[in-house]
Amino acid sequence: SAYILGQAKTAEGRVSFLLQQGLDDFDV
């Protein structure tokens, strides 16, 4: 949703949090 609004940095921060938690999902 943030990416659609043009907030790529916010979107990346939330995705980065998931990767730091060890989520190895392709969508992420």
mmCIF file of all heavy atoms, coordinates in Angstrom:
data_MODEL
# 
_entry.id   MODEL 
# 
loop_
_atom_site.group_PDB 
_atom_site.id 
_atom_site.type_symbol 
_atom_site.label_atom_id 
_atom_site.label_alt_id 
_atom_site.label_comp_id 
_atom_site.label_asym_id 
_atom_site.label_entity_id 
_atom_site.label_seq_id 
_atom_site.pdbx_PDB_ins_code 
_atom_site.Cartn_x 
_atom_site.Cartn_y 
_atom_site.Cartn_z 
_atom_site.occupancy 
_atom_site.B_iso_or_equiv 
_atom_site.pdbx_formal_charge 
_atom_site.auth_seq_id 
_atom_site.auth_comp_id 
_atom_site.auth_asym_id 
_atom_site.auth_atom_id 
_atom_site.pdbx_PDB_model_num 
ATOM 1   N N   . SER A 1 1  ? 0.828  -1.203  0.000  1.00 0.00 ? 1  SER A N   1 
ATOM 2   C CA  . SER A 1 1  ? 0.000  0.000   0.000  1.00 0.00 ? 1  SER A CA  1 
ATOM 3   C C   . SER A 1 1  ? 0.860  1.250   0.000  1.00 0.00 ? 1  SER A C   1 
ATOM 4   O O   . SER A 1 1  ? 0.578  2.222   -0.722 1.00 0.00 ? 1  SER A O   1 
ATOM 5   C CB  . SER A 1 1  ? -0.934 -0.011  1.218  1.00 0.00 ? 1  SER A CB  1 
ATOM 6   O OG  . SER A 1 1  ? -1.700 1.157   1.282  1.00 0.00 ? 1  SER A OG  1 
ATOM 7   N N   . ALA A 1 2  ? 1.924  1.252   0.805  1.00 0.00 ? 2  ALA A N   1 
ATOM 8   C CA  . ALA A 1 2  ? 2.831  2.402   0.834  1.00 0.00 ? 2  ALA A CA  1 
ATOM 9   C C   . ALA A 1 2  ? 3.525  2.587   -0.508 1.00 0.00 ? 2  ALA A C   1 
ATOM 10  O O   . ALA A 1 2  ? 3.702  3.722   -0.985 1.00 0.00 ? 2  ALA A O   1 
ATOM 11  C CB  . ALA A 1 2  ? 3.865  2.215   1.948  1.00 0.00 ? 2  ALA A CB  1 
ATOM 12  N N   . TYR A 1 3  ? 3.916  1.501   -1.133 1.00 0.00 ? 3  TYR A N   1 
ATOM 13  C CA  . TYR A 1 3  ? 4.580  1.574   -2.434 1.00 0.00 ? 3  TYR A CA  1 
ATOM 14  C C   . TYR A 1 3  ? 3.648  2.189   -3.484 1.00 0.00 ? 3  TYR A C   1 
ATOM 15  O O   . TYR A 1 3  ? 4.072  2.998   -4.316 1.00 0.00 ? 3  TYR A O   1 
ATOM 16  C CB  . TYR A 1 3  ? 5.025  0.182   -2.869 1.00 0.00 ? 3  TYR A CB  1 
ATOM 17  C CG  . TYR A 1 3  ? 5.797  0.150   -4.166 1.00 0.00 ? 3  TYR A CG  1 
ATOM 18  C CD1 . TYR A 1 3  ? 7.172  0.374   -4.165 1.00 0.00 ? 3  TYR A CD1 1 
ATOM 19  C CD2 . TYR A 1 3  ? 5.162  -0.086  -5.377 1.00 0.00 ? 3  TYR A CD2 1 
ATOM 20  C CE1 . TYR A 1 3  ? 7.892  0.359   -5.349 1.00 0.00 ? 3  TYR A CE1 1 
ATOM 21  C CE2 . TYR A 1 3  ? 5.869  -0.112  -6.554 1.00 0.00 ? 3  TYR A CE2 1 
ATOM 22  C CZ  . TYR A 1 3  ? 7.230  0.114   -6.548 1.00 0.00 ? 3  TYR A CZ  1 
ATOM 23  O OH  . TYR A 1 3  ? 7.941  0.100   -7.717 1.00 0.00 ? 3  TYR A OH  1 
ATOM 24  N N   . ILE A 1 4  ? 2.377  1.802   -3.457 1.00 0.00 ? 4  ILE A N   1 
ATOM 25  C CA  . ILE A 1 4  ? 1.401  2.347   -4.400 1.00 0.00 ? 4  ILE A CA  1 
ATOM 26  C C   . ILE A 1 4  ? 1.286  3.865   -4.225 1.00 0.00 ? 4  ILE A C   1 
ATOM 27  O O   . ILE A 1 4  ? 1.102  4.614   -5.196 1.00 0.00 ? 4  ILE A O   1 
ATOM 28  C CB  . ILE A 1 4  ? 0.038  1.664   -4.213 1.00 0.00 ? 4  ILE A CB  1 
ATOM 29  C CG1 . ILE A 1 4  ? 0.128  0.198   -4.658 1.00 0.00 ? 4  ILE A CG1 1 
ATOM 30  C CG2 . ILE A 1 4  ? -1.070 2.379   -4.984 1.00 0.00 ? 4  ILE A CG2 1 
ATOM 31  C CD1 . ILE A 1 4  ? -1.097 -0.623  -4.336 1.00 0.00 ? 4  ILE A CD1 1 
ATOM 32  N N   . LEU A 1 5  ? 1.439  4.338   -2.987 1.00 0.00 ? 5  LEU A N   1 
ATOM 33  C CA  . LEU A 1 5  ? 1.385  5.775   -2.721 1.00 0.00 ? 5  LEU A CA  1 
ATOM 34  C C   . LEU A 1 5  ? 2.672  6.491   -3.114 1.00 0.00 ? 5  LEU A C   1 
ATOM 35  O O   . LEU A 1 5  ? 2.743  7.712   -3.021 1.00 0.00 ? 5  LEU A O   1 
ATOM 36  C CB  . LEU A 1 5  ? 1.126  6.022   -1.228 1.00 0.00 ? 5  LEU A CB  1 
ATOM 37  C CG  . LEU A 1 5  ? -0.315 5.907   -0.740 1.00 0.00 ? 5  LEU A CG  1 
ATOM 38  C CD1 . LEU A 1 5  ? -0.355 6.075   0.771  1.00 0.00 ? 5  LEU A CD1 1 
ATOM 39  C CD2 . LEU A 1 5  ? -1.197 6.940   -1.413 1.00 0.00 ? 5  LEU A CD2 1 
ATOM 40  N N   . GLY A 1 6  ? 3.678  5.729   -3.540 1.00 0.00 ? 6  GLY A N   1 
ATOM 41  C CA  . GLY A 1 6  ? 4.965  6.329   -3.879 1.00 0.00 ? 6  GLY A CA  1 
ATOM 42  C C   . GLY A 1 6  ? 5.917  6.405   -2.705 1.00 0.00 ? 6  GLY A C   1 
ATOM 43  O O   . GLY A 1 6  ? 6.957  7.066   -2.796 1.00 0.00 ? 6  GLY A O   1 
ATOM 44  N N   . GLN A 1 7  ? 5.575  5.743   -1.591 1.00 0.00 ? 7  GLN A N   1 
ATOM 45  C CA  . GLN A 1 7  ? 6.421  5.765   -0.394 1.00 0.00 ? 7  GLN A CA  1 
ATOM 46  C C   . GLN A 1 7  ? 7.317  4.527   -0.378 1.00 0.00 ? 7  GLN A C   1 
ATOM 47  O O   . GLN A 1 7  ? 7.180  3.625   0.450  1.00 0.00 ? 7  GLN A O   1 
ATOM 48  C CB  . GLN A 1 7  ? 5.543  5.827   0.855  1.00 0.00 ? 7  GLN A CB  1 
ATOM 49  C CG  . GLN A 1 7  ? 4.635  7.037   0.898  1.00 0.00 ? 7  GLN A CG  1 
ATOM 50  C CD  . GLN A 1 7  ? 3.628  6.971   2.039  1.00 0.00 ? 7  GLN A CD  1 
ATOM 51  O OE1 . GLN A 1 7  ? 3.598  6.017   2.822  1.00 0.00 ? 7  GLN A OE1 1 
ATOM 52  N NE2 . GLN A 1 7  ? 2.786  7.986   2.138  1.00 0.00 ? 7  GLN A NE2 1 
ATOM 53  N N   . ALA A 1 8  ? 8.242  4.485   -1.336 1.00 0.00 ? 8  ALA A N   1 
ATOM 54  C CA  . ALA A 1 8  ? 9.073  3.294   -1.501 1.00 0.00 ? 8  ALA A CA  1 
ATOM 55  C C   . ALA A 1 8  ? 9.974  3.055   -0.292 1.00 0.00 ? 8  ALA A C   1 
ATOM 56  O O   . ALA A 1 8  ? 10.226 1.901   0.090  1.00 0.00 ? 8  ALA A O   1 
ATOM 57  C CB  . ALA A 1 8  ? 9.917  3.414   -2.769 1.00 0.00 ? 8  ALA A CB  1 
ATOM 58  N N   . LYS A 1 9  ? 10.472 4.118   0.314  1.00 0.00 ? 9  LYS A N   1 
ATOM 59  C CA  . LYS A 1 9  ? 11.366 3.959   1.453  1.00 0.00 ? 9  LYS A CA  1 
ATOM 60  C C   . LYS A 1 9  ? 10.612 3.367   2.647  1.00 0.00 ? 9  LYS A C   1 
ATOM 61  O O   . LYS A 1 9  ? 11.125 2.494   3.358  1.00 0.00 ? 9  LYS A O   1 
ATOM 62  C CB  . LYS A 1 9  ? 11.984 5.311   1.832  1.00 0.00 ? 9  LYS A CB  1 
ATOM 63  C CG  . LYS A 1 9  ? 13.176 5.195   2.762  1.00 0.00 ? 9  LYS A CG  1 
ATOM 64  C CD  . LYS A 1 9  ? 14.328 4.439   2.114  1.00 0.00 ? 9  LYS A CD  1 
ATOM 65  C CE  . LYS A 1 9  ? 15.507 4.292   3.066  1.00 0.00 ? 9  LYS A CE  1 
ATOM 66  N NZ  . LYS A 1 9  ? 16.559 3.439   2.506  1.00 0.00 ? 9  LYS A NZ  1 
ATOM 67  N N   . THR A 1 10 ? 9.385  3.826   2.871  1.00 0.00 ? 10 THR A N   1 
ATOM 68  C CA  . THR A 1 10 ? 8.559  3.252   3.949  1.00 0.00 ? 10 THR A CA  1 
ATOM 69  C C   . THR A 1 10 ? 8.282  1.781   3.677  1.00 0.00 ? 10 THR A C   1 
ATOM 70  O O   . THR A 1 10 ? 8.370  0.931   4.582  1.00 0.00 ? 10 THR A O   1 
ATOM 71  C CB  . THR A 1 10 ? 7.232  4.021   4.067  1.00 0.00 ? 10 THR A CB  1 
ATOM 72  O OG1 . THR A 1 10 ? 7.509  5.379   4.406  1.00 0.00 ? 10 THR A OG1 1 
ATOM 73  C CG2 . THR A 1 10 ? 6.340  3.413   5.131  1.00 0.00 ? 10 THR A CG2 1 
ATOM 74  N N   . ALA A 1 11 ? 7.951  1.489   2.425  1.00 0.00 ? 11 ALA A N   1 
ATOM 75  C CA  . ALA A 1 11 ? 7.670  0.100   2.052  1.00 0.00 ? 11 ALA A CA  1 
ATOM 76  C C   . ALA A 1 11 ? 8.899  -0.773  2.272  1.00 0.00 ? 11 ALA A C   1 
ATOM 77  O O   . ALA A 1 11 ? 8.802  -1.888  2.808  1.00 0.00 ? 11 ALA A O   1 
ATOM 78  C CB  . ALA A 1 11 ? 7.225  0.030   0.598  1.00 0.00 ? 11 ALA A CB  1 
ATOM 79  N N   . GLU A 1 12 ? 10.063 -0.260  1.883  1.00 0.00 ? 12 GLU A N   1 
ATOM 80  C CA  . GLU A 1 12 ? 11.303 -1.044  2.038  1.00 0.00 ? 12 GLU A CA  1 
ATOM 81  C C   . GLU A 1 12 ? 11.596 -1.301  3.510  1.00 0.00 ? 12 GLU A C   1 
ATOM 82  O O   . GLU A 1 12 ? 12.048 -2.388  3.887  1.00 0.00 ? 12 GLU A O   1 
ATOM 83  C CB  . GLU A 1 12 ? 12.468 -0.302  1.388  1.00 0.00 ? 12 GLU A CB  1 
ATOM 84  C CG  . GLU A 1 12 ? 13.776 -1.070  1.349  1.00 0.00 ? 12 GLU A CG  1 
ATOM 85  C CD  . GLU A 1 12 ? 14.560 -0.979  2.656  1.00 0.00 ? 12 GLU A CD  1 
ATOM 86  O OE1 . GLU A 1 12 ? 14.476 0.091   3.318  1.00 0.00 ? 12 GLU A OE1 1 
ATOM 87  O OE2 . GLU A 1 12 ? 15.241 -1.961  3.013  1.00 0.00 ? 12 GLU A OE2 1 
ATOM 88  N N   . GLY A 1 13 ? 11.329 -0.330  4.377  1.00 0.00 ? 13 GLY A N   1 
ATOM 89  C CA  . GLY A 1 13 ? 11.570 -0.512  5.805  1.00 0.00 ? 13 GLY A CA  1 
ATOM 90  C C   . GLY A 1 13 ? 10.736 -1.639  6.393  1.00 0.00 ? 13 GLY A C   1 
ATOM 91  O O   . GLY A 1 13 ? 11.219 -2.428  7.204  1.00 0.00 ? 13 GLY A O   1 
ATOM 92  N N   . ARG A 1 14 ? 9.490  -1.744  5.942  1.00 0.00 ? 14 ARG A N   1 
ATOM 93  C CA  . ARG A 1 14 ? 8.618  -2.799  6.465  1.00 0.00 ? 14 ARG A CA  1 
ATOM 94  C C   . ARG A 1 14 ? 9.016  -4.162  5.920  1.00 0.00 ? 14 ARG A C   1 
ATOM 95  O O   . ARG A 1 14 ? 8.975  -5.169  6.641  1.00 0.00 ? 14 ARG A O   1 
ATOM 96  C CB  . ARG A 1 14 ? 7.164  -2.463  6.125  1.00 0.00 ? 14 ARG A CB  1 
ATOM 97  C CG  . ARG A 1 14 ? 6.686  -1.242  6.891  1.00 0.00 ? 14 ARG A CG  1 
ATOM 98  C CD  . ARG A 1 14 ? 5.318  -0.771  6.471  1.00 0.00 ? 14 ARG A CD  1 
ATOM 99  N NE  . ARG A 1 14 ? 5.003  0.488   7.142  1.00 0.00 ? 14 ARG A NE  1 
ATOM 100 C CZ  . ARG A 1 14 ? 3.961  1.248   6.859  1.00 0.00 ? 14 ARG A CZ  1 
ATOM 101 N NH1 . ARG A 1 14 ? 3.102  0.863   5.917  1.00 0.00 ? 14 ARG A NH1 1 
ATOM 102 N NH2 . ARG A 1 14 ? 3.747  2.376   7.505  1.00 0.00 ? 14 ARG A NH2 1 
ATOM 103 N N   . VAL A 1 15 ? 9.424  -4.201  4.665  1.00 0.00 ? 15 VAL A N   1 
ATOM 104 C CA  . VAL A 1 15 ? 9.887  -5.464  4.090  1.00 0.00 ? 15 VAL A CA  1 
ATOM 105 C C   . VAL A 1 15 ? 11.203 -5.883  4.740  1.00 0.00 ? 15 VAL A C   1 
ATOM 106 O O   . VAL A 1 15 ? 11.419 -7.064  5.030  1.00 0.00 ? 15 VAL A O   1 
ATOM 107 C CB  . VAL A 1 15 ? 10.054 -5.318  2.564  1.00 0.00 ? 15 VAL A CB  1 
ATOM 108 C CG1 . VAL A 1 15 ? 10.747 -6.535  1.985  1.00 0.00 ? 15 VAL A CG1 1 
ATOM 109 C CG2 . VAL A 1 15 ? 8.688  -5.139  1.903  1.00 0.00 ? 15 VAL A CG2 1 
ATOM 110 N N   . SER A 1 16 ? 12.076 -4.911  4.970  1.00 0.00 ? 16 SER A N   1 
ATOM 111 C CA  . SER A 1 16 ? 13.353 -5.203  5.609  1.00 0.00 ? 16 SER A CA  1 
ATOM 112 C C   . SER A 1 16 ? 13.140 -5.795  7.001  1.00 0.00 ? 16 SER A C   1 
ATOM 113 O O   . SER A 1 16 ? 13.869 -6.709  7.421  1.00 0.00 ? 16 SER A O   1 
ATOM 114 C CB  . SER A 1 16 ? 14.192 -3.930  5.707  1.00 0.00 ? 16 SER A CB  1 
ATOM 115 O OG  . SER A 1 16 ? 15.409 -4.172  6.372  1.00 0.00 ? 16 SER A OG  1 
ATOM 116 N N   . PHE A 1 17 ? 12.124 -5.314  7.716  1.00 0.00 ? 17 PHE A N   1 
ATOM 117 C CA  . PHE A 1 17 ? 11.813 -5.866  9.038  1.00 0.00 ? 17 PHE A CA  1 
ATOM 118 C C   . PHE A 1 17 ? 11.473 -7.349  8.930  1.00 0.00 ? 17 PHE A C   1 
ATOM 119 O O   . PHE A 1 17 ? 11.929 -8.159  9.747  1.00 0.00 ? 17 PHE A O   1 
ATOM 120 C CB  . PHE A 1 17 ? 10.641 -5.095  9.655  1.00 0.00 ? 17 PHE A CB  1 
ATOM 121 C CG  . PHE A 1 17 ? 10.113 -5.706  10.920 1.00 0.00 ? 17 PHE A CG  1 
ATOM 122 C CD1 . PHE A 1 17 ? 10.771 -5.518  12.131 1.00 0.00 ? 17 PHE A CD1 1 
ATOM 123 C CD2 . PHE A 1 17 ? 8.958  -6.482  10.906 1.00 0.00 ? 17 PHE A CD2 1 
ATOM 124 C CE1 . PHE A 1 17 ? 10.282 -6.099  13.290 1.00 0.00 ? 17 PHE A CE1 1 
ATOM 125 C CE2 . PHE A 1 17 ? 8.474  -7.060  12.067 1.00 0.00 ? 17 PHE A CE2 1 
ATOM 126 C CZ  . PHE A 1 17 ? 9.137  -6.862  13.263 1.00 0.00 ? 17 PHE A CZ  1 
ATOM 127 N N   . LEU A 1 18 ? 10.702 -7.709  7.914  1.00 0.00 ? 18 LEU A N   1 
ATOM 128 C CA  . LEU A 1 18 ? 10.329 -9.119  7.738  1.00 0.00 ? 18 LEU A CA  1 
ATOM 129 C C   . LEU A 1 18 ? 11.553 -9.969  7.415  1.00 0.00 ? 18 LEU A C   1 
ATOM 130 O O   . LEU A 1 18 ? 11.688 -11.086 7.913  1.00 0.00 ? 18 LEU A O   1 
ATOM 131 C CB  . LEU A 1 18 ? 9.292  -9.250  6.624  1.00 0.00 ? 18 LEU A CB  1 
ATOM 132 C CG  . LEU A 1 18 ? 7.906  -8.664  6.920  1.00 0.00 ? 18 LEU A CG  1 
ATOM 133 C CD1 . LEU A 1 18 ? 7.006  -8.795  5.695  1.00 0.00 ? 18 LEU A CD1 1 
ATOM 134 C CD2 . LEU A 1 18 ? 7.265  -9.341  8.125  1.00 0.00 ? 18 LEU A CD2 1 
ATOM 135 N N   . LEU A 1 19 ? 12.442 -9.452  6.583  1.00 0.00 ? 19 LEU A N   1 
ATOM 136 C CA  . LEU A 1 19 ? 13.643 -10.205 6.233  1.00 0.00 ? 19 LEU A CA  1 
ATOM 137 C C   . LEU A 1 19 ? 14.546 -10.378 7.453  1.00 0.00 ? 19 LEU A C   1 
ATOM 138 O O   . LEU A 1 19 ? 15.169 -11.427 7.636  1.00 0.00 ? 19 LEU A O   1 
ATOM 139 C CB  . LEU A 1 19 ? 14.396 -9.500  5.108  1.00 0.00 ? 19 LEU A CB  1 
ATOM 140 C CG  . LEU A 1 19 ? 13.679 -9.475  3.748  1.00 0.00 ? 19 LEU A CG  1 
ATOM 141 C CD1 . LEU A 1 19 ? 14.448 -8.616  2.748  1.00 0.00 ? 19 LEU A CD1 1 
ATOM 142 C CD2 . LEU A 1 19 ? 13.501 -10.884 3.199  1.00 0.00 ? 19 LEU A CD2 1 
ATOM 143 N N   . GLN A 1 20 ? 14.611 -9.344  8.305  1.00 0.00 ? 20 GLN A N   1 
ATOM 144 C CA  . GLN A 1 20 ? 15.414 -9.445  9.523  1.00 0.00 ? 20 GLN A CA  1 
ATOM 145 C C   . GLN A 1 20 ? 14.838 -10.479 10.484 1.00 0.00 ? 20 GLN A C   1 
ATOM 146 O O   . GLN A 1 20 ? 15.575 -11.070 11.286 1.00 0.00 ? 20 GLN A O   1 
ATOM 147 C CB  . GLN A 1 20 ? 15.491 -8.079  10.213 1.00 0.00 ? 20 GLN A CB  1 
ATOM 148 C CG  . GLN A 1 20 ? 16.324 -7.060  9.459  1.00 0.00 ? 20 GLN A CG  1 
ATOM 149 C CD  . GLN A 1 20 ? 16.174 -5.659  10.026 1.00 0.00 ? 20 GLN A CD  1 
ATOM 150 O OE1 . GLN A 1 20 ? 15.564 -5.460  11.078 1.00 0.00 ? 20 GLN A OE1 1 
ATOM 151 N NE2 . GLN A 1 20 ? 16.704 -4.674  9.328  1.00 0.00 ? 20 GLN A NE2 1 
ATOM 152 N N   . GLN A 1 21 ? 13.528 -10.698 10.398 1.00 0.00 ? 21 GLN A N   1 
ATOM 153 C CA  . GLN A 1 21 ? 12.887 -11.698 11.236 1.00 0.00 ? 21 GLN A CA  1 
ATOM 154 C C   . GLN A 1 21 ? 13.070 -13.111 10.695 1.00 0.00 ? 21 GLN A C   1 
ATOM 155 O O   . GLN A 1 21 ? 12.594 -14.083 11.286 1.00 0.00 ? 21 GLN A O   1 
ATOM 156 C CB  . GLN A 1 21 ? 11.388 -11.402 11.362 1.00 0.00 ? 21 GLN A CB  1 
ATOM 157 C CG  . GLN A 1 21 ? 11.064 -10.058 12.005 1.00 0.00 ? 21 GLN A CG  1 
ATOM 158 C CD  . GLN A 1 21 ? 11.612 -9.931  13.405 1.00 0.00 ? 21 GLN A CD  1 
ATOM 159 O OE1 . GLN A 1 21 ? 11.378 -10.791 14.242 1.00 0.00 ? 21 GLN A OE1 1 
ATOM 160 N NE2 . GLN A 1 21 ? 12.348 -8.865  13.667 1.00 0.00 ? 21 GLN A NE2 1 
ATOM 161 N N   . GLY A 1 22 ? 13.743 -13.231 9.553  1.00 0.00 ? 22 GLY A N   1 
ATOM 162 C CA  . GLY A 1 22 ? 14.022 -14.547 8.981  1.00 0.00 ? 22 GLY A CA  1 
ATOM 163 C C   . GLY A 1 22 ? 12.943 -15.068 8.064  1.00 0.00 ? 22 GLY A C   1 
ATOM 164 O O   . GLY A 1 22 ? 12.950 -16.261 7.723  1.00 0.00 ? 22 GLY A O   1 
ATOM 165 N N   . LEU A 1 23 ? 12.012 -14.211 7.633  1.00 0.00 ? 23 LEU A N   1 
ATOM 166 C CA  . LEU A 1 23 ? 10.956 -14.652 6.723  1.00 0.00 ? 23 LEU A CA  1 
ATOM 167 C C   . LEU A 1 23 ? 11.540 -14.811 5.326  1.00 0.00 ? 23 LEU A C   1 
ATOM 168 O O   . LEU A 1 23 ? 11.990 -13.842 4.710  1.00 0.00 ? 23 LEU A O   1 
ATOM 169 C CB  . LEU A 1 23 ? 9.802  -13.640 6.711  1.00 0.00 ? 23 LEU A CB  1 
ATOM 170 C CG  . LEU A 1 23 ? 8.531  -14.103 6.020  1.00 0.00 ? 23 LEU A CG  1 
ATOM 171 C CD1 . LEU A 1 23 ? 7.917  -15.280 6.770  1.00 0.00 ? 23 LEU A CD1 1 
ATOM 172 C CD2 . LEU A 1 23 ? 7.515  -12.973 5.934  1.00 0.00 ? 23 LEU A CD2 1 
ATOM 173 N N   . ASP A 1 24 ? 11.546 -16.018 4.809  1.00 0.00 ? 24 ASP A N   1 
ATOM 174 C CA  . ASP A 1 24 ? 12.195 -16.324 3.529  1.00 0.00 ? 24 ASP A CA  1 
ATOM 175 C C   . ASP A 1 24 ? 11.142 -16.537 2.442  1.00 0.00 ? 24 ASP A C   1 
ATOM 176 O O   . ASP A 1 24 ? 11.236 -17.465 1.651  1.00 0.00 ? 24 ASP A O   1 
ATOM 177 C CB  . ASP A 1 24 ? 13.050 -17.591 3.692  1.00 0.00 ? 24 ASP A CB  1 
ATOM 178 C CG  . ASP A 1 24 ? 14.218 -17.604 2.707  1.00 0.00 ? 24 ASP A CG  1 
ATOM 179 O OD1 . ASP A 1 24 ? 14.557 -16.546 2.152  1.00 0.00 ? 24 ASP A OD1 1 
ATOM 180 O OD2 . ASP A 1 24 ? 14.777 -18.694 2.485  1.00 0.00 ? 24 ASP A OD2 1 
ATOM 181 N N   . ASP A 1 25 ? 10.145 -15.652 2.396  1.00 0.00 ? 25 ASP A N   1 
ATOM 182 C CA  . ASP A 1 25 ? 9.041  -15.790 1.463  1.00 0.00 ? 25 ASP A CA  1 
ATOM 183 C C   . ASP A 1 25 ? 9.348  -15.043 0.169  1.00 0.00 ? 25 ASP A C   1 
ATOM 184 O O   . ASP A 1 25 ? 9.884  -13.925 0.192  1.00 0.00 ? 25 ASP A O   1 
ATOM 185 C CB  . ASP A 1 25 ? 7.773  -15.229 2.110  1.00 0.00 ? 25 ASP A CB  1 
ATOM 186 C CG  . ASP A 1 25 ? 6.545  -15.442 1.253  1.00 0.00 ? 25 ASP A CG  1 
ATOM 187 O OD1 . ASP A 1 25 ? 6.004  -16.559 1.276  1.00 0.00 ? 25 ASP A OD1 1 
ATOM 188 O OD2 . ASP A 1 25 ? 6.145  -14.487 0.557  1.00 0.00 ? 25 ASP A OD2 1 
ATOM 189 N N   . PHE A 1 26 ? 8.969  -15.629 -0.973 1.00 0.00 ? 26 PHE A N   1 
ATOM 190 C CA  . PHE A 1 26 ? 9.290  -15.001 -2.255 1.00 0.00 ? 26 PHE A CA  1 
ATOM 191 C C   . PHE A 1 26 ? 8.592  -13.659 -2.410 1.00 0.00 ? 26 PHE A C   1 
ATOM 192 O O   . PHE A 1 26 ? 9.171  -12.707 -2.950 1.00 0.00 ? 26 PHE A O   1 
ATOM 193 C CB  . PHE A 1 26 ? 8.908  -15.916 -3.424 1.00 0.00 ? 26 PHE A CB  1 
ATOM 194 C CG  . PHE A 1 26 ? 9.031  -15.235 -4.755 1.00 0.00 ? 26 PHE A CG  1 
ATOM 195 C CD1 . PHE A 1 26 ? 10.282 -14.894 -5.267 1.00 0.00 ? 26 PHE A CD1 1 
ATOM 196 C CD2 . PHE A 1 26 ? 7.904  -14.902 -5.491 1.00 0.00 ? 26 PHE A CD2 1 
ATOM 197 C CE1 . PHE A 1 26 ? 10.405 -14.248 -6.491 1.00 0.00 ? 26 PHE A CE1 1 
ATOM 198 C CE2 . PHE A 1 26 ? 8.021  -14.253 -6.715 1.00 0.00 ? 26 PHE A CE2 1 
ATOM 199 C CZ  . PHE A 1 26 ? 9.271  -13.934 -7.211 1.00 0.00 ? 26 PHE A CZ  1 
ATOM 200 N N   . ASP A 1 27 ? 7.349  -13.539 -1.974 1.00 0.00 ? 27 ASP A N   1 
ATOM 201 C CA  . ASP A 1 27 ? 6.632  -12.266 -2.103 1.00 0.00 ? 27 ASP A CA  1 
ATOM 202 C C   . ASP A 1 27 ? 7.368  -11.143 -1.386 1.00 0.00 ? 27 ASP A C   1 
ATOM 203 O O   . ASP A 1 27 ? 7.400  -10.001 -1.857 1.00 0.00 ? 27 ASP A O   1 
ATOM 204 C CB  . ASP A 1 27 ? 5.214  -12.402 -1.550 1.00 0.00 ? 27 ASP A CB  1 
ATOM 205 C CG  . ASP A 1 27 ? 4.338  -13.287 -2.420 1.00 0.00 ? 27 ASP A CG  1 
ATOM 206 O OD1 . ASP A 1 27 ? 4.658  -13.435 -3.618 1.00 0.00 ? 27 ASP A OD1 1 
ATOM 207 O OD2 . ASP A 1 27 ? 3.356  -13.843 -1.901 1.00 0.00 ? 27 ASP A OD2 1 
ATOM 208 N N   . VAL A 1 28 ? 7.967  -11.460 -0.239 1.00 0.00 ? 28 VAL A N   1 
ATOM 209 C CA  . VAL A 1 28 ? 8.725  -10.457 0.508  1.00 0.00 ? 28 VAL A CA  1 
ATOM 210 C C   . VAL A 1 28 ? 9.979  -10.065 -0.263 1.00 0.00 ? 28 VAL A C   1 
ATOM 211 O O   . VAL A 1 28 ? 10.308 -8.883  -0.397 1.00 0.00 ? 28 VAL A O   1 
ATOM 212 C CB  . VAL A 1 28 ? 9.089  -10.991 1.907  1.00 0.00 ? 28 VAL A CB  1 
ATOM 213 C CG1 . VAL A 1 28 ? 9.943  -9.976  2.667  1.00 0.00 ? 28 VAL A CG1 1 
ATOM 214 C CG2 . VAL A 1 28 ? 7.829  -11.315 2.696  1.00 0.00 ? 28 VAL A CG2 1 
# 
